[in-house]
Amino acid sequence: MIKELKELVTVAVKRNPAEGLLFSGGLDSGILAFLCPGIKAITVTFDSFGNDLNYARSLAGFLGIRPHYRRIEVEEAIAAVSPVVRALESFDPAIPNDITVYFGLKTARELGLKTVMTGDGSDEIFAGYQYMQRVKNLDGYLQRMSTTMSFNTQKIAGIFGIEIKQPFLDRDLVDFCRERIPVEQKLRKEEGKFIGKWILRKAFEPDLPADFIWQGKRPLEYGSGTTELREIISARISPEEFQDKSRIYPVKFISRDHFYYYERYRKEIGNIPPAEDGQKACPACGAGMNKKSFHCRICGNNEPGEIVWKEQSDHV
């Protein structure tokens, strides 16, 4: 099964060729870089925060590639919130994660690239998110997710006229993961520690350094450092303003930076679209949701009973 998985991933990459790669130094982008020698890799970091740069440089040295490094300054990151909110039509608290993608694709555009590859989908099909350790009936959850998952990368790419290639969303690979790989080989417990994407790690273990293959989890915004943007934005909003407007606005905010994204949403998009016939209403913001969906694409809330406030996207 491991050999077959490796072959399917390799074929999926060949079916989705691209000029560039968003390269964090995490498991997914690292495997793609290994399978795409000569691809133009782009690594994004926020100011002096984050540790992706160290991982990316280490793996780049092993693979013999020279990534293009893009450092985001504080004010340009804050300025990017509005175009990202406008593109996504959302004020999801995962906006710092999307800021990283925004600057990666902006850099790709500046380099003249028209197609960019990402590791989107790997965490969803191989149980890579840490919160999945707490999900009841994980197999059923992953089955459901495989039919409803969507990614903001495509929408952000539209800002720059870039085509996104997502090998991990290749239909044959997704079907194989859903139908053939048992959940115990996706999320596995060894020596008292849960390891997400276990079988994917095993598939490429012979080809890449052990410290890379078995590295710990790094959500994208943490690795790039854009999680620090939360504190920076929150510090610019007084507790009094947050409390006063929280009583007025029809949203259950989880933080001051979430409130800030909503204010940008109000300016760029307007009112939250209410539930229509055949939809259910999000309990946190009232937006219309597909009855089968567990995640509100407008405010980022997740249904109670699944997980509350899904962790930000990982890239390991």
C-alpha atoms as a PDB file:
ATOM      1  CA  MET A   1       0.000   0.000   0.000  1.00  0.00           C
ATOM      2  CA  ILE A   2       2.864   2.393   0.807  1.00  0.00           C
ATOM      3  CA  LYS A   3       4.489   1.757  -2.571  1.00  0.00           C
ATOM      4  CA  GLU A   4       1.188   2.279  -4.374  1.00  0.00           C
ATOM      5  CA  LEU A   5       0.601   5.533  -2.493  1.00  0.00           C
ATOM      6  CA  LYS A   6       4.023   6.840  -3.478  1.00  0.00           C
ATOM      7  CA  GLU A   7       3.338   6.022  -7.125  1.00  0.00           C
ATOM      8  CA  LEU A   8      -0.027   7.786  -6.999  1.00  0.00           C
ATOM      9  CA  VAL A   9       1.511  10.935  -5.472  1.00  0.00           C
ATOM     10  CA  THR A  10       4.241  10.910  -8.114  1.00  0.00           C
ATOM     11  CA  VAL A  11       1.696  10.543 -10.931  1.00  0.00           C
ATOM     12  CA  ALA A  12      -0.478  13.282  -9.415  1.00  0.00           C
ATOM     13  CA  VAL A  13       2.484  15.678  -9.499  1.00  0.00           C
ATOM     14  CA  LYS A  14       3.177  14.836 -13.149  1.00  0.00           C
ATOM     15  CA  ARG A  15      -0.465  15.535 -13.976  1.00  0.00           C
ATOM     16  CA  ASN A  16      -0.256  18.951 -12.317  1.00  0.00           C
ATOM     17  CA  PRO A  17       2.966  20.575 -13.547  1.00  0.00           C
ATOM     18  CA  ALA A  18       3.741  24.113 -12.431  1.00  0.00           C
ATOM     19  CA  GLU A  19       6.476  26.720 -12.766  1.00  0.00           C
ATOM     20  CA  GLY A  20       6.546  27.598  -9.079  1.00  0.00           C
ATOM     21  CA  LEU A  21       5.953  26.085  -5.643  1.00  0.00           C
ATOM     22  CA  LEU A  22       4.924  27.602  -2.312  1.00  0.00           C
ATOM     23  CA  PHE A  23       7.724  26.065  -0.267  1.00  0.00           C
ATOM     24  CA  SER A  24       7.517  26.172   3.518  1.00  0.00           C
ATOM     25  CA  GLY A  25       9.958  23.402   4.311  1.00  0.00           C
ATOM     26  CA  GLY A  26       7.063  21.353   5.698  1.00  0.00           C
ATOM     27  CA  LEU A  27       6.256  17.780   4.711  1.00  0.00           C
ATOM     28  CA  ASP A  28       3.822  18.495   1.870  1.00  0.00           C
ATOM     29  CA  SER A  29       5.760  21.183   0.024  1.00  0.00           C
ATOM     30  CA  GLY A  30       8.999  19.319   0.701  1.00  0.00           C
ATOM     31  CA  ILE A  31       7.701  16.176  -1.003  1.00  0.00           C
ATOM     32  CA  LEU A  32       6.517  18.261  -3.941  1.00  0.00           C
ATOM     33  CA  ALA A  33       9.931  19.926  -4.197  1.00  0.00           C
ATOM     34  CA  PHE A  34      11.588  16.504  -4.184  1.00  0.00           C
ATOM     35  CA  LEU A  35       9.324  15.343  -7.010  1.00  0.00           C
ATOM     36  CA  CYS A  36       9.808  18.558  -9.031  1.00  0.00           C
ATOM     37  CA  PRO A  37      13.529  19.183  -9.485  1.00  0.00           C
ATOM     38  CA  GLY A  38      14.174  22.597 -10.972  1.00  0.00           C
ATOM     39  CA  ILE A  39      10.894  24.145  -9.830  1.00  0.00           C
ATOM     40  CA  LYS A  40      11.051  27.747  -8.590  1.00  0.00           C
ATOM     41  CA  ALA A  41      10.353  27.567  -4.856  1.00  0.00           C
ATOM     42  CA  ILE A  42       9.040  30.519  -2.834  1.00  0.00           C
ATOM     43  CA  THR A  43       9.331  30.773   0.961  1.00  0.00           C
ATOM     44  CA  VAL A  44       7.474  33.489   2.900  1.00  0.00           C
ATOM     45  CA  THR A  45       8.294  34.764   6.372  1.00  0.00           C
ATOM     46  CA  PHE A  46       6.758  37.575   8.410  1.00  0.00           C
ATOM     47  CA  ASP A  47       9.235  40.154   9.694  1.00  0.00           C
ATOM     48  CA  SER A  48      11.599  38.397  12.140  1.00  0.00           C
ATOM     49  CA  PHE A  49       9.019  35.858  13.309  1.00  0.00           C
ATOM     50  CA  GLY A  50       8.461  32.224  12.383  1.00  0.00           C
ATOM     51  CA  ASN A  51      10.813  29.318  11.785  1.00  0.00           C
ATOM     52  CA  ASP A  52       9.926  28.174   8.271  1.00  0.00           C
ATOM     53  CA  LEU A  53      13.072  29.807   6.956  1.00  0.00           C
ATOM     54  CA  ASN A  54      15.293  27.411   8.877  1.00  0.00           C
ATOM     55  CA  TYR A  55      13.401  24.336   7.679  1.00  0.00           C
ATOM     56  CA  ALA A  56      13.215  25.603   4.106  1.00  0.00           C
ATOM     57  CA  ARG A  57      16.925  26.397   3.944  1.00  0.00           C
ATOM     58  CA  SER A  58      17.875  23.025   5.398  1.00  0.00           C
ATOM     59  CA  LEU A  59      15.736  21.062   2.957  1.00  0.00           C
ATOM     60  CA  ALA A  60      16.707  23.306   0.040  1.00  0.00           C
ATOM     61  CA  GLY A  61      20.335  22.489   0.738  1.00  0.00           C
ATOM     62  CA  PHE A  62      19.579  18.779   0.740  1.00  0.00           C
ATOM     63  CA  LEU A  63      17.619  19.015  -2.515  1.00  0.00           C
ATOM     64  CA  GLY A  64      20.057  21.386  -4.176  1.00  0.00           C
ATOM     65  CA  ILE A  65      17.514  24.124  -4.873  1.00  0.00           C
ATOM     66  CA  ARG A  66      17.672  27.893  -4.281  1.00  0.00           C
ATOM     67  CA  PRO A  67      14.294  29.191  -3.081  1.00  0.00           C
ATOM     68  CA  HIS A  68      13.203  32.789  -3.477  1.00  0.00           C
ATOM     69  CA  TYR A  69      12.735  34.163   0.051  1.00  0.00           C
ATOM     70  CA  ARG A  70      10.079  36.825   0.655  1.00  0.00           C
ATOM     71  CA  ARG A  71      10.045  38.721   3.951  1.00  0.00           C
ATOM     72  CA  ILE A  72       6.799  40.524   4.836  1.00  0.00           C
ATOM     73  CA  GLU A  73       6.957  43.789   6.753  1.00  0.00           C
ATOM     74  CA  VAL A  74       4.342  44.568   9.418  1.00  0.00           C
ATOM     75  CA  GLU A  75       2.560  47.422   7.677  1.00  0.00           C
ATOM     76  CA  GLU A  76       2.342  45.677   4.315  1.00  0.00           C
ATOM     77  CA  ALA A  77       0.859  42.620   6.057  1.00  0.00           C
ATOM     78  CA  ILE A  78      -1.830  44.770   7.664  1.00  0.00           C
ATOM     79  CA  ALA A  79      -2.485  46.502   4.331  1.00  0.00           C
ATOM     80  CA  ALA A  80      -2.991  43.073   2.722  1.00  0.00           C
ATOM     81  CA  VAL A  81      -5.897  42.198   5.031  1.00  0.00           C
ATOM     82  CA  SER A  82      -8.411  44.159   2.952  1.00  0.00           C
ATOM     83  CA  PRO A  83      -7.627  42.595  -0.461  1.00  0.00           C
ATOM     84  CA  VAL A  84      -7.564  39.135   1.113  1.00  0.00           C
ATOM     85  CA  VAL A  85     -10.922  39.682   2.815  1.00  0.00           C
ATOM     86  CA  ARG A  86     -12.311  41.039  -0.449  1.00  0.00           C
ATOM     87  CA  ALA A  87     -11.057  38.044  -2.439  1.00  0.00           C
ATOM     88  CA  LEU A  88     -12.328  35.494   0.089  1.00  0.00           C
ATOM     89  CA  GLU A  89     -15.520  37.334   1.047  1.00  0.00           C
ATOM     90  CA  SER A  90     -14.771  36.140   4.558  1.00  0.00           C
ATOM     91  CA  PHE A  91     -13.509  37.320   7.957  1.00  0.00           C
ATOM     92  CA  ASP A  92     -12.381  33.892   9.089  1.00  0.00           C
ATOM     93  CA  PRO A  93      -9.852  34.148  11.962  1.00  0.00           C
ATOM     94  CA  ALA A  94      -7.453  32.177   9.732  1.00  0.00           C
ATOM     95  CA  ILE A  95      -6.751  35.368   7.749  1.00  0.00           C
ATOM     96  CA  PRO A  96      -3.070  35.435   8.924  1.00  0.00           C
ATOM     97  CA  ASN A  97      -2.675  32.053   7.237  1.00  0.00           C
ATOM     98  CA  ASP A  98      -4.099  33.507   4.025  1.00  0.00           C
ATOM     99  CA  ILE A  99      -1.787  36.524   4.286  1.00  0.00           C
ATOM    100  CA  THR A 100       1.147  34.128   3.908  1.00  0.00           C
ATOM    101  CA  VAL A 101      -0.407  32.640   0.765  1.00  0.00           C
ATOM    102  CA  TYR A 102      -1.180  36.125  -0.554  1.00  0.00           C
ATOM    103  CA  PHE A 103       2.457  37.210  -0.424  1.00  0.00           C
ATOM    104  CA  GLY A 104       3.682  33.890  -1.784  1.00  0.00           C
ATOM    105  CA  LEU A 105       1.475  34.290  -4.848  1.00  0.00           C
ATOM    106  CA  LYS A 106       2.249  38.009  -5.107  1.00  0.00           C
ATOM    107  CA  THR A 107       5.924  37.074  -5.260  1.00  0.00           C
ATOM    108  CA  ALA A 108       5.203  34.426  -7.894  1.00  0.00           C
ATOM    109  CA  ARG A 109       3.527  37.080  -9.995  1.00  0.00           C
ATOM    110  CA  GLU A 110       6.500  39.406  -9.577  1.00  0.00           C
ATOM    111  CA  LEU A 111       8.737  36.571 -10.784  1.00  0.00           C
ATOM    112  CA  GLY A 112       6.586  36.174 -13.874  1.00  0.00           C
ATOM    113  CA  LEU A 113       5.163  32.776 -12.922  1.00  0.00           C
ATOM    114  CA  LYS A 114       1.787  31.787 -14.293  1.00  0.00           C
ATOM    115  CA  THR A 115       1.325  28.447 -12.521  1.00  0.00           C
ATOM    116  CA  VAL A 116       2.072  27.640  -8.873  1.00  0.00           C
ATOM    117  CA  MET A 117       1.884  24.318  -7.044  1.00  0.00           C
ATOM    118  CA  THR A 118       0.684  23.987  -3.440  1.00  0.00           C
ATOM    119  CA  GLY A 119       0.297  21.214  -0.884  1.00  0.00           C
ATOM    120  CA  ASP A 120      -3.437  21.895  -0.460  1.00  0.00           C
ATOM    121  CA  GLY A 121      -5.447  18.832   0.501  1.00  0.00           C
ATOM    122  CA  SER A 122      -2.750  16.732   2.123  1.00  0.00           C
ATOM    123  CA  ASP A 123      -3.840  17.490   5.685  1.00  0.00           C
ATOM    124  CA  GLU A 124      -7.455  16.771   4.782  1.00  0.00           C
ATOM    125  CA  ILE A 125      -6.915  13.384   3.135  1.00  0.00           C
ATOM    126  CA  PHE A 126      -4.095  12.127   5.376  1.00  0.00           C
ATOM    127  CA  ALA A 127      -5.395  13.439   8.760  1.00  0.00           C
ATOM    128  CA  GLY A 128      -2.652  15.998   9.226  1.00  0.00           C
ATOM    129  CA  TYR A 129      -4.409  18.491  11.482  1.00  0.00           C
ATOM    130  CA  GLN A 130      -3.713  18.254  15.193  1.00  0.00           C
ATOM    131  CA  TYR A 131      -7.358  18.824  16.095  1.00  0.00           C
ATOM    132  CA  MET A 132      -8.224  15.544  14.352  1.00  0.00           C
ATOM    133  CA  GLN A 133      -6.828  13.705  17.358  1.00  0.00           C
ATOM    134  CA  ARG A 134      -9.951  14.887  19.207  1.00  0.00           C
ATOM    135  CA  VAL A 135     -12.561  14.160  16.530  1.00  0.00           C
ATOM    136  CA  LYS A 136     -14.981  11.334  17.241  1.00  0.00           C
ATOM    137  CA  ASN A 137     -15.428   8.905  14.321  1.00  0.00           C
ATOM    138  CA  LEU A 138     -12.431  10.323  12.494  1.00  0.00           C
ATOM    139  CA  ASP A 139     -12.885   8.000   9.547  1.00  0.00           C
ATOM    140  CA  GLY A 140     -16.404   9.286   8.938  1.00  0.00           C
ATOM    141  CA  TYR A 141     -15.205  12.846   9.425  1.00  0.00           C
ATOM    142  CA  LEU A 142     -12.477  12.420   6.799  1.00  0.00           C
ATOM    143  CA  GLN A 143     -14.933  10.801   4.388  1.00  0.00           C
ATOM    144  CA  ARG A 144     -17.205  13.774   4.774  1.00  0.00           C
ATOM    145  CA  MET A 145     -14.369  16.269   4.470  1.00  0.00           C
ATOM    146  CA  SER A 146     -13.116  14.690   1.232  1.00  0.00           C
ATOM    147  CA  THR A 147     -16.371  15.679  -0.469  1.00  0.00           C
ATOM    148  CA  THR A 148     -16.699  19.205   0.972  1.00  0.00           C
ATOM    149  CA  MET A 149     -13.130  20.531   1.284  1.00  0.00           C
ATOM    150  CA  SER A 150     -12.241  23.769  -0.479  1.00  0.00           C
ATOM    151  CA  PHE A 151      -9.223  26.042  -0.359  1.00  0.00           C
ATOM    152  CA  ASN A 152      -8.712  29.783  -0.318  1.00  0.00           C
ATOM    153  CA  THR A 153      -5.589  29.500  -2.449  1.00  0.00           C
ATOM    154  CA  GLN A 154      -7.633  29.490  -5.638  1.00  0.00           C
ATOM    155  CA  LYS A 155      -9.460  32.699  -4.727  1.00  0.00           C
ATOM    156  CA  ILE A 156      -6.301  34.504  -3.690  1.00  0.00           C
ATOM    157  CA  ALA A 157      -4.582  33.376  -6.886  1.00  0.00           C
ATOM    158  CA  GLY A 158      -7.348  35.117  -8.819  1.00  0.00           C
ATOM    159  CA  ILE A 159      -6.017  38.457  -7.568  1.00  0.00           C
ATOM    160  CA  PHE A 160      -2.790  37.828  -9.458  1.00  0.00           C
ATOM    161  CA  GLY A 161      -4.056  35.850 -12.444  1.00  0.00           C
ATOM    162  CA  ILE A 162      -2.164  32.727 -11.373  1.00  0.00           C
ATOM    163  CA  GLU A 163      -3.291  29.150 -11.954  1.00  0.00           C
ATOM    164  CA  ILE A 164      -2.987  26.884  -8.917  1.00  0.00           C
ATOM    165  CA  LYS A 165      -1.947  23.237  -9.211  1.00  0.00           C
ATOM    166  CA  GLN A 166      -2.906  20.940  -6.320  1.00  0.00           C
ATOM    167  CA  PRO A 167      -1.487  17.425  -6.771  1.00  0.00           C
ATOM    168  CA  PHE A 168      -2.875  16.172  -3.454  1.00  0.00           C
ATOM    169  CA  LEU A 169      -6.379  16.829  -4.797  1.00  0.00           C
ATOM    170  CA  ASP A 170      -5.845  14.542  -7.787  1.00  0.00           C
ATOM    171  CA  ARG A 171      -9.016  12.462  -7.976  1.00  0.00           C
ATOM    172  CA  ASP A 172      -7.253   9.082  -8.121  1.00  0.00           C
ATOM    173  CA  LEU A 173      -5.158   9.972  -5.086  1.00  0.00           C
ATOM    174  CA  VAL A 174      -8.142  11.284  -3.094  1.00  0.00           C
ATOM    175  CA  ASP A 175     -10.188   8.170  -3.922  1.00  0.00           C
ATOM    176  CA  PHE A 176      -7.303   5.898  -2.926  1.00  0.00           C
ATOM    177  CA  CYS A 177      -6.888   7.662   0.414  1.00  0.00           C
ATOM    178  CA  ARG A 178     -10.611   7.574   1.102  1.00  0.00           C
ATOM    179  CA  GLU A 179     -11.297   3.995   0.022  1.00  0.00           C
ATOM    180  CA  ARG A 180      -8.078   2.074   0.590  1.00  0.00           C
ATOM    181  CA  ILE A 181      -6.097   3.610   3.438  1.00  0.00           C
ATOM    182  CA  PRO A 182      -7.448   2.845   6.936  1.00  0.00           C
ATOM    183  CA  VAL A 183      -7.600   5.779   9.316  1.00  0.00           C
ATOM    184  CA  GLU A 184      -5.065   4.048  11.607  1.00  0.00           C
ATOM    185  CA  GLN A 185      -2.410   4.521   8.922  1.00  0.00           C
ATOM    186  CA  LYS A 186      -3.219   8.195   8.551  1.00  0.00           C
ATOM    187  CA  LEU A 187      -3.228   9.204  12.209  1.00  0.00           C
ATOM    188  CA  ARG A 188      -1.093   6.775  14.179  1.00  0.00           C
ATOM    189  CA  LYS A 189      -0.005   6.690  17.799  1.00  0.00           C
ATOM    190  CA  GLU A 190       3.557   5.641  18.477  1.00  0.00           C
ATOM    191  CA  GLU A 191       5.318   5.802  21.835  1.00  0.00           C
ATOM    192  CA  GLY A 192       2.419   7.797  23.261  1.00  0.00           C
ATOM    193  CA  LYS A 193       2.547  10.425  20.515  1.00  0.00           C
ATOM    194  CA  PHE A 194       0.064  10.970  17.670  1.00  0.00           C
ATOM    195  CA  ILE A 195       1.602  11.242  14.213  1.00  0.00           C
ATOM    196  CA  GLY A 196      -0.559  12.707  11.468  1.00  0.00           C
ATOM    197  CA  LYS A 197       0.026  11.761   7.814  1.00  0.00           C
ATOM    198  CA  TRP A 198       1.930   8.704   9.018  1.00  0.00           C
ATOM    199  CA  ILE A 199       1.607   6.726   5.779  1.00  0.00           C
ATOM    200  CA  LEU A 200       2.649   9.688   3.623  1.00  0.00           C
ATOM    201  CA  ARG A 201       5.741  10.105   5.779  1.00  0.00           C
ATOM    202  CA  LYS A 202       6.558   6.401   5.419  1.00  0.00           C
ATOM    203  CA  ALA A 203       6.129   6.553   1.641  1.00  0.00           C
ATOM    204  CA  PHE A 204       8.889   9.142   1.262  1.00  0.00           C
ATOM    205  CA  GLU A 205      11.018   8.143   4.231  1.00  0.00           C
ATOM    206  CA  PRO A 206      13.681   6.523   1.994  1.00  0.00           C
ATOM    207  CA  ASP A 207      14.145   9.707  -0.035  1.00  0.00           C
ATOM    208  CA  LEU A 208      14.288  12.568   2.450  1.00  0.00           C
ATOM    209  CA  PRO A 209      16.110  13.283   5.740  1.00  0.00           C
ATOM    210  CA  ALA A 210      14.587  11.664   8.820  1.00  0.00           C
ATOM    211  CA  ASP A 211      14.432  14.950  10.740  1.00  0.00           C
ATOM    212  CA  PHE A 212      12.407  16.387   7.866  1.00  0.00           C
ATOM    213  CA  ILE A 213      10.069  13.403   7.460  1.00  0.00           C
ATOM    214  CA  TRP A 214       9.284  13.168  11.184  1.00  0.00           C
ATOM    215  CA  GLN A 215       9.282  16.873  12.021  1.00  0.00           C
ATOM    216  CA  GLY A 216       6.581  18.190  14.331  1.00  0.00           C
ATOM    217  CA  LYS A 217       3.492  20.153  13.385  1.00  0.00           C
ATOM    218  CA  ARG A 218       3.778  23.738  12.198  1.00  0.00           C
ATOM    219  CA  PRO A 219       0.564  25.462  11.133  1.00  0.00           C
ATOM    220  CA  LEU A 220       1.310  27.737   8.175  1.00  0.00           C
ATOM    221  CA  GLU A 221       0.804  30.982  10.048  1.00  0.00           C
ATOM    222  CA  TYR A 222       3.086  29.810  12.858  1.00  0.00           C
ATOM    223  CA  GLY A 223       5.823  28.620  10.534  1.00  0.00           C
ATOM    224  CA  SER A 224       5.755  31.828   8.512  1.00  0.00           C
ATOM    225  CA  GLY A 225       5.341  33.973  11.624  1.00  0.00           C
ATOM    226  CA  THR A 226       2.111  35.663  10.536  1.00  0.00           C
ATOM    227  CA  THR A 227       0.418  34.449  13.710  1.00  0.00           C
ATOM    228  CA  GLU A 228       2.189  37.408  15.346  1.00  0.00           C
ATOM    229  CA  LEU A 229      -0.037  39.609  13.204  1.00  0.00           C
ATOM    230  CA  ARG A 230      -2.901  38.700  15.552  1.00  0.00           C
ATOM    231  CA  GLU A 231      -1.221  40.340  18.523  1.00  0.00           C
ATOM    232  CA  ILE A 232      -0.095  43.334  16.490  1.00  0.00           C
ATOM    233  CA  ILE A 233      -3.618  43.994  15.214  1.00  0.00           C
ATOM    234  CA  SER A 234      -5.228  43.292  18.593  1.00  0.00           C
ATOM    235  CA  ALA A 235      -2.936  45.823  20.262  1.00  0.00           C
ATOM    236  CA  ARG A 236      -4.316  48.527  17.969  1.00  0.00           C
ATOM    237  CA  ILE A 237      -7.895  47.962  19.157  1.00  0.00           C
ATOM    238  CA  SER A 238      -8.835  49.139  22.637  1.00  0.00           C
ATOM    239  CA  PRO A 239     -10.769  46.804  24.938  1.00  0.00           C
ATOM    240  CA  GLU A 240     -13.474  49.474  25.183  1.00  0.00           C
ATOM    241  CA  GLU A 241     -13.971  49.653  21.412  1.00  0.00           C
ATOM    242  CA  PHE A 242     -14.063  45.884  21.181  1.00  0.00           C
ATOM    243  CA  GLN A 243     -16.624  45.550  23.964  1.00  0.00           C
ATOM    244  CA  ASP A 244     -18.852  48.355  22.701  1.00  0.00           C
ATOM    245  CA  LYS A 245     -19.008  47.173  19.113  1.00  0.00           C
ATOM    246  CA  SER A 246     -19.312  43.508  20.087  1.00  0.00           C
ATOM    247  CA  ARG A 247     -22.674  44.416  21.610  1.00  0.00           C
ATOM    248  CA  ILE A 248     -23.790  45.969  18.320  1.00  0.00           C
ATOM    249  CA  TYR A 249     -22.431  43.658  15.658  1.00  0.00           C
ATOM    250  CA  PRO A 250     -24.334  40.393  14.939  1.00  0.00           C
ATOM    251  CA  VAL A 251     -21.244  38.208  15.331  1.00  0.00           C
ATOM    252  CA  LYS A 252     -19.720  36.134  18.117  1.00  0.00           C
ATOM    253  CA  PHE A 253     -16.090  37.215  17.993  1.00  0.00           C
ATOM    254  CA  ILE A 254     -13.326  35.060  19.420  1.00  0.00           C
ATOM    255  CA  SER A 255     -10.696  37.818  19.562  1.00  0.00           C
ATOM    256  CA  ARG A 256      -9.992  41.447  18.794  1.00  0.00           C
ATOM    257  CA  ASP A 257      -8.223  40.596  15.543  1.00  0.00           C
ATOM    258  CA  HIS A 258     -11.307  38.600  14.456  1.00  0.00           C
ATOM    259  CA  PHE A 259     -13.299  41.758  15.101  1.00  0.00           C
ATOM    260  CA  TYR A 260     -10.811  43.721  12.969  1.00  0.00           C
ATOM    261  CA  TYR A 261     -11.255  41.309  10.031  1.00  0.00           C
ATOM    262  CA  TYR A 262     -15.012  41.730  10.348  1.00  0.00           C
ATOM    263  CA  GLU A 263     -14.731  45.500  10.139  1.00  0.00           C
ATOM    264  CA  ARG A 264     -12.683  45.089   6.940  1.00  0.00           C
ATOM    265  CA  TYR A 265     -15.389  42.697   5.702  1.00  0.00           C
ATOM    266  CA  ARG A 266     -18.109  45.270   6.355  1.00  0.00           C
ATOM    267  CA  LYS A 267     -16.140  47.836   4.367  1.00  0.00           C
ATOM    268  CA  GLU A 268     -15.182  45.556   1.463  1.00  0.00           C
ATOM    269  CA  ILE A 269     -18.237  43.288   1.200  1.00  0.00           C
ATOM    270  CA  GLY A 270     -21.090  44.675   3.293  1.00  0.00           C
ATOM    271  CA  ASN A 271     -23.678  42.711   5.239  1.00  0.00           C
ATOM    272  CA  ILE A 272     -23.399  39.015   6.032  1.00  0.00           C
ATOM    273  CA  PRO A 273     -25.584  36.991   3.629  1.00  0.00           C
ATOM    274  CA  PRO A 274     -28.439  35.341   5.614  1.00  0.00           C
ATOM    275  CA  ALA A 275     -29.479  31.717   5.289  1.00  0.00           C
ATOM    276  CA  GLU A 276     -31.648  30.959   2.278  1.00  0.00           C
ATOM    277  CA  ASP A 277     -34.105  28.153   1.636  1.00  0.00           C
ATOM    278  CA  GLY A 278     -32.328  24.835   1.938  1.00  0.00           C
ATOM    279  CA  GLN A 279     -29.545  26.283   4.097  1.00  0.00           C
ATOM    280  CA  LYS A 280     -28.874  26.399   7.818  1.00  0.00           C
ATOM    281  CA  ALA A 281     -27.765  29.502   9.685  1.00  0.00           C
ATOM    282  CA  CYS A 282     -24.303  29.747  11.229  1.00  0.00           C
ATOM    283  CA  PRO A 283     -24.760  30.023  15.020  1.00  0.00           C
ATOM    284  CA  ALA A 284     -21.890  32.510  15.253  1.00  0.00           C
ATOM    285  CA  CYS A 285     -22.764  35.014  12.519  1.00  0.00           C
ATOM    286  CA  GLY A 286     -26.083  33.962  10.941  1.00  0.00           C
ATOM    287  CA  ALA A 287     -24.600  33.380   7.486  1.00  0.00           C
ATOM    288  CA  GLY A 288     -26.163  30.756   5.262  1.00  0.00           C
ATOM    289  CA  MET A 289     -24.421  27.376   5.261  1.00  0.00           C
ATOM    290  CA  ASN A 290     -24.860  24.192   3.282  1.00  0.00           C
ATOM    291  CA  LYS A 291     -26.698  21.731   5.523  1.00  0.00           C
ATOM    292  CA  LYS A 292     -23.907  19.193   5.056  1.00  0.00           C
ATOM    293  CA  SER A 293     -21.144  21.659   5.856  1.00  0.00           C
ATOM    294  CA  PHE A 294     -19.567  21.943   9.306  1.00  0.00           C
ATOM    295  CA  HIS A 295     -17.542  25.100   8.643  1.00  0.00           C
ATOM    296  CA  CYS A 296     -18.874  28.608   8.074  1.00  0.00           C
ATOM    297  CA  ARG A 297     -16.914  30.117   5.214  1.00  0.00           C
ATOM    298  CA  ILE A 298     -17.931  33.644   6.258  1.00  0.00           C
ATOM    299  CA  CYS A 299     -16.842  33.834   9.907  1.00  0.00           C
ATOM    300  CA  GLY A 300     -14.834  30.614  10.249  1.00  0.00           C
ATOM    301  CA  ASN A 301     -16.970  28.990  12.947  1.00  0.00           C
ATOM    302  CA  ASN A 302     -17.258  25.221  13.118  1.00  0.00           C
ATOM    303  CA  GLU A 303     -20.264  23.270  14.313  1.00  0.00           C
ATOM    304  CA  PRO A 304     -20.292  22.181  17.948  1.00  0.00           C
ATOM    305  CA  GLY A 305     -19.901  18.435  18.118  1.00  0.00           C
ATOM    306  CA  GLU A 306     -17.251  18.379  15.436  1.00  0.00           C
ATOM    307  CA  ILE A 307     -14.624  20.792  16.718  1.00  0.00           C
ATOM    308  CA  VAL A 308     -14.909  24.382  17.824  1.00  0.00           C
ATOM    309  CA  TRP A 309     -12.861  26.916  15.924  1.00  0.00           C
ATOM    310  CA  LYS A 310     -10.756  24.691  13.696  1.00  0.00           C
ATOM    311  CA  GLU A 311      -7.030  25.247  14.054  1.00  0.00           C
ATOM    312  CA  GLN A 312      -5.339  27.160  11.285  1.00  0.00           C
ATOM    313  CA  SER A 313      -4.170  25.266   8.232  1.00  0.00           C
ATOM    314  CA  ASP A 314      -1.069  23.173   8.707  1.00  0.00           C
ATOM    315  CA  HIS A 315       1.571  22.624   6.121  1.00  0.00           C
ATOM    316  CA  VAL A 316       3.578  19.827   7.710  1.00  0.00           C
END
